[in-house]
Protein backbone atom coordinates (compact mmCIF):
# COMPACT_ATOMS: atom_id res chain seq x y z
CA UNK A 1 66.72 -40.65 -21.05
CA UNK A 2 64.25 -40.49 -23.90
CA UNK A 3 62.23 -37.39 -24.51
CA UNK A 4 58.93 -37.72 -26.10
CA UNK A 5 56.72 -34.69 -27.23
CA UNK A 6 53.84 -36.86 -27.95
CA UNK A 7 53.82 -38.18 -24.52
CA UNK A 8 54.03 -34.81 -22.92
CA UNK A 9 50.94 -33.84 -25.11
CA UNK A 10 49.20 -36.90 -24.10
CA UNK A 11 49.65 -36.18 -20.24
CA UNK A 12 48.34 -32.48 -20.94
CA UNK A 13 44.61 -32.83 -20.22
CA UNK A 14 45.09 -34.71 -17.02
CA UNK A 15 47.59 -32.05 -15.91
CA UNK A 16 45.14 -29.36 -16.73
CA UNK A 17 42.32 -31.02 -14.88
CA UNK A 18 44.47 -30.69 -11.89
CA UNK A 19 45.29 -27.26 -12.62
CA UNK A 20 41.86 -26.25 -12.39
CA UNK A 21 41.30 -27.66 -8.98
CA UNK A 22 44.68 -25.89 -8.07
CA UNK A 23 43.43 -22.44 -9.39
CA UNK A 24 39.83 -23.03 -7.72
CA UNK A 25 41.23 -24.05 -4.20
CA UNK A 26 43.62 -20.92 -4.57
CA UNK A 27 40.98 -18.50 -5.35
CA UNK A 28 38.54 -19.68 -2.97
CA UNK A 29 41.24 -19.68 -0.19
CA UNK A 30 42.58 -16.24 -1.07
CA UNK A 31 38.97 -14.75 -0.97
CA UNK A 32 38.30 -16.27 2.37
CA UNK A 33 41.72 -15.46 3.63
CA UNK A 34 41.08 -11.63 2.88
CA UNK A 35 37.91 -11.74 4.80
CA UNK A 36 39.32 -13.45 7.82
CA UNK A 37 42.54 -11.50 7.66
CA UNK A 38 40.81 -8.15 7.57
CA UNK A 39 38.67 -9.30 10.66
CA UNK A 40 41.69 -10.25 12.40
CA UNK A 41 43.55 -7.35 11.37
CA UNK A 42 40.77 -4.92 12.98
CA UNK A 43 40.48 -7.22 15.85
CA UNK A 44 44.32 -6.76 16.66
CA UNK A 45 43.79 -2.81 16.88
CA UNK A 46 40.27 -3.13 18.85
CA UNK A 47 40.03 -1.54 22.25
CA UNK A 48 38.39 -4.53 23.75
CA UNK A 49 41.50 -6.15 25.03
CA UNK A 50 40.22 -9.87 25.22
CA UNK A 51 39.56 -9.74 21.52
CA UNK A 52 43.13 -8.03 20.96
CA UNK A 53 44.61 -10.96 22.88
CA UNK A 54 42.85 -13.67 21.13
CA UNK A 55 43.56 -12.10 17.75
CA UNK A 56 47.21 -11.94 18.65
CA UNK A 57 47.43 -15.41 19.83
CA UNK A 58 45.56 -16.59 16.70
CA UNK A 59 48.16 -14.62 14.40
CA UNK A 60 51.58 -15.50 16.29
CA UNK A 61 50.39 -19.43 16.43
CA UNK A 62 49.33 -19.70 12.79
CA UNK A 63 52.42 -17.91 11.76
CA UNK A 64 54.85 -19.86 14.19
CA UNK A 65 53.58 -23.20 12.61
CA UNK A 66 54.03 -24.42 9.27
CA UNK A 67 51.54 -24.73 6.55
CA UNK A 68 52.11 -28.42 5.86
CA UNK A 69 51.57 -29.27 9.62
CA UNK A 70 48.22 -27.38 9.64
CA UNK A 71 47.04 -29.34 6.74
CA UNK A 72 48.00 -32.54 8.43
CA UNK A 73 46.13 -31.64 11.41
CA UNK A 74 43.16 -30.73 9.64
CA UNK A 75 42.96 -33.72 7.52
CA UNK A 76 44.53 -36.55 9.64
CA UNK A 77 44.23 -35.32 13.28
CA UNK A 78 40.71 -33.78 13.43
CA UNK A 79 39.03 -37.09 12.35
CA UNK A 80 40.27 -38.64 15.71
CA UNK A 81 37.90 -36.08 17.50
CA UNK A 82 34.99 -36.94 15.22
CA UNK A 83 35.28 -34.43 12.81
CA UNK A 84 35.99 -35.60 9.13
CA UNK A 85 36.78 -32.79 6.36
CA UNK A 86 36.81 -33.88 2.83
CA UNK A 87 40.34 -33.17 0.75
CA UNK A 88 39.04 -30.11 -0.91
CA UNK A 89 37.65 -28.06 1.97
CA UNK A 90 40.38 -29.23 4.07
CA UNK A 91 42.82 -27.65 1.68
CA UNK A 92 40.88 -24.69 1.53
CA UNK A 93 40.74 -24.35 5.21
CA UNK A 94 44.37 -24.81 5.82
CA UNK A 95 45.37 -22.11 3.20
CA UNK A 96 42.69 -19.80 4.56
CA UNK A 97 43.78 -20.08 8.10
CA UNK A 98 47.52 -19.74 7.10
CA UNK A 99 47.25 -16.82 4.84
CA UNK A 100 44.52 -14.99 7.01
CA UNK A 101 47.06 -14.87 9.80
CA UNK A 102 49.89 -13.25 7.67
CA UNK A 103 47.15 -10.95 5.84
CA UNK A 104 45.88 -9.81 9.51
CA UNK A 105 49.27 -8.25 10.01
CA UNK A 106 49.36 -6.66 6.76
CA UNK A 107 45.95 -5.00 7.31
CA UNK A 108 46.91 -3.88 10.81
CA UNK A 109 50.05 -2.35 9.63
CA UNK A 110 48.07 -0.55 6.75
CA UNK A 111 45.47 0.67 9.37
CA UNK A 112 47.90 1.88 11.72
CA UNK A 113 49.96 3.66 9.03
CA UNK A 114 47.04 6.11 8.65
CA UNK A 115 47.92 9.62 10.26
CA UNK A 116 46.34 9.83 13.77
CA UNK A 117 45.23 13.41 12.86
CA UNK A 118 42.84 11.67 10.44
CA UNK A 119 41.28 9.71 13.16
CA UNK A 120 40.93 12.77 15.68
CA UNK A 121 39.48 14.82 12.85
CA UNK A 122 36.78 12.39 11.96
CA UNK A 123 36.00 11.91 15.66
CA UNK A 124 35.44 15.48 16.32
CA UNK A 125 32.90 15.51 13.44
CA UNK A 126 30.94 13.18 15.54
CA UNK A 127 31.73 10.02 13.63
CA UNK A 128 31.34 6.67 15.20
CA UNK A 129 34.29 4.44 15.46
CA UNK A 130 32.67 1.97 12.86
CA UNK A 131 31.79 4.57 10.49
CA UNK A 132 35.25 6.02 10.89
CA UNK A 133 36.78 2.73 10.02
CA UNK A 134 34.54 2.24 6.98
CA UNK A 135 34.56 5.58 5.47
CA UNK A 136 37.83 6.93 6.13
CA UNK A 137 40.49 4.31 7.39
CA UNK A 138 39.90 1.20 5.49
CA UNK A 139 39.77 2.69 2.11
CA UNK A 140 43.03 4.22 2.63
CA UNK A 141 44.63 1.40 4.28
CA UNK A 142 43.41 -1.02 1.50
CA UNK A 143 45.35 1.21 -1.05
CA UNK A 144 48.34 0.93 1.14
CA UNK A 145 48.56 -2.82 1.41
CA UNK A 146 47.11 -3.63 -2.05
CA UNK A 147 50.43 -4.68 -3.47
CA UNK A 148 51.26 -6.77 -0.78
CA UNK A 149 47.93 -8.36 -0.52
CA UNK A 150 48.08 -9.17 -4.34
CA UNK A 151 51.38 -10.86 -3.93
CA UNK A 152 49.65 -13.07 -1.40
CA UNK A 153 47.91 -14.55 -4.29
CA UNK A 154 50.85 -15.68 -6.14
CA UNK A 155 52.19 -17.33 -3.02
CA UNK A 156 49.01 -19.08 -2.07
CA UNK A 157 48.94 -20.37 -5.63
CA UNK A 158 52.37 -21.86 -5.31
CA UNK A 159 51.80 -23.05 -1.75
CA UNK A 160 48.65 -24.94 -2.93
CA UNK A 161 50.94 -27.56 -4.37
CA UNK A 162 51.06 -28.90 -0.46
CA UNK A 163 47.46 -29.90 -0.63
CA UNK A 164 48.49 -32.83 -2.63
CA UNK A 165 49.66 -34.55 0.80
CA UNK A 166 46.05 -34.66 1.64
CA UNK A 167 44.85 -36.67 -1.33
CA UNK A 168 43.25 -33.46 -3.35
CA UNK A 169 43.66 -34.18 -6.98
CA UNK A 170 45.27 -30.96 -7.99
CA UNK A 171 47.98 -30.34 -10.55
CA UNK A 172 50.84 -31.48 -8.32
CA UNK A 173 49.16 -34.65 -7.00
CA UNK A 174 48.08 -35.79 -10.61
CA UNK A 175 51.54 -34.87 -11.63
CA UNK A 176 52.72 -37.35 -9.02
CA UNK A 177 50.53 -39.93 -9.93
CA UNK A 178 51.23 -39.94 -13.70
CA UNK A 179 55.12 -39.81 -12.91
CA UNK A 180 54.90 -42.96 -10.62
CA UNK A 181 52.75 -44.87 -12.94
CA UNK A 182 54.80 -44.01 -16.37
CA UNK A 183 58.49 -43.23 -14.78
CA UNK A 184 58.33 -40.10 -17.29
CA UNK A 185 59.34 -37.81 -14.47
CA UNK A 186 61.29 -35.40 -16.59
CA UNK A 187 58.52 -34.84 -18.92
CA UNK A 188 55.65 -34.59 -16.42
CA UNK A 189 57.12 -32.62 -13.72
CA UNK A 190 58.55 -30.04 -16.56
CA UNK A 191 54.94 -29.62 -17.70
CA UNK A 192 53.93 -29.17 -14.09
CA UNK A 193 56.41 -26.24 -13.77
CA UNK A 194 55.50 -24.69 -17.04
CA UNK A 195 51.87 -24.91 -16.03
CA UNK A 196 52.50 -23.24 -12.58
CA UNK A 197 54.86 -20.73 -14.19
CA UNK A 198 51.99 -19.87 -17.14
CA UNK A 199 49.34 -19.24 -14.50
CA UNK A 200 51.70 -17.57 -11.68
CA UNK A 201 53.85 -15.26 -14.04
CA UNK A 202 50.82 -12.99 -15.45
CA UNK A 203 49.34 -12.80 -11.73
CA UNK A 204 52.78 -11.62 -10.38
CA UNK A 205 53.04 -8.83 -13.38
CA UNK A 206 49.42 -7.62 -12.77
CA UNK A 207 50.20 -7.18 -9.25
CA UNK A 208 53.28 -5.15 -10.11
CA UNK A 209 51.33 -3.20 -12.70
CA UNK A 210 48.71 -2.19 -10.02
CA UNK A 211 51.70 -1.09 -7.97
CA UNK A 212 53.06 0.99 -10.42
CA UNK A 213 49.52 2.58 -11.03
CA UNK A 214 49.14 3.29 -7.42
CA UNK A 215 52.38 4.90 -7.13
CA UNK A 216 51.60 7.21 -10.15
CA UNK A 217 48.29 8.02 -8.75
CA UNK A 218 49.80 8.84 -5.25
CA UNK A 219 52.20 11.17 -7.38
CA UNK A 220 49.55 12.91 -8.99
CA UNK A 221 47.71 13.50 -5.74
CA UNK A 222 50.76 15.31 -4.27
CA UNK A 223 51.74 19.07 -4.65
CA UNK A 224 55.56 20.42 -4.43
CA UNK A 225 54.93 20.56 -0.67
CA UNK A 226 53.45 17.10 -0.02
CA UNK A 227 49.74 16.10 0.14
CA UNK A 228 47.43 18.65 -1.29
């Protein structure tokens, strides 16, 4: 096995072009998954029981099937129904659907972690349920779930490698193409791994930093007998 630094450098522009697509699909999917996940998280605790059942069925079904299968279904099965979706939106849709189900459960648990007394106190002041949720419950719930939600971005970035199976020209796809054309598997996949690490590691550290800051802030808000 021969190792060539010059060849690794020559592969870099192609891999970086794929990395840009990987980052884009990850960010877009993450933002959409946050919105959809929050909506389904609230739907999981809403009073109207048909909505609760539909939300629960969505969450359980998506969490019970692998992301790879969901991507295959969107890109390869839906065309048989007449719905053809290009690789990029297919990848975004698959990642959004998958991660929104997991985020829905995180948001639900965060909302339910708020003491019931706060709900009762706000309702006694005449707050509507919608106003109560927007001003009292959600700000506290988001603070609780923020570390977990932050970690999802690291996960969605790594799982985005699966979109290469639907012909999206992301980092993994371009790495596979280069490797099959040049047979430089060691150099190319080593660079692919390094690029993934360079992007994901700072993100993971940022999430840890935010978690520490939130913990410190919570401690400042507490007196010797608990919350002031």
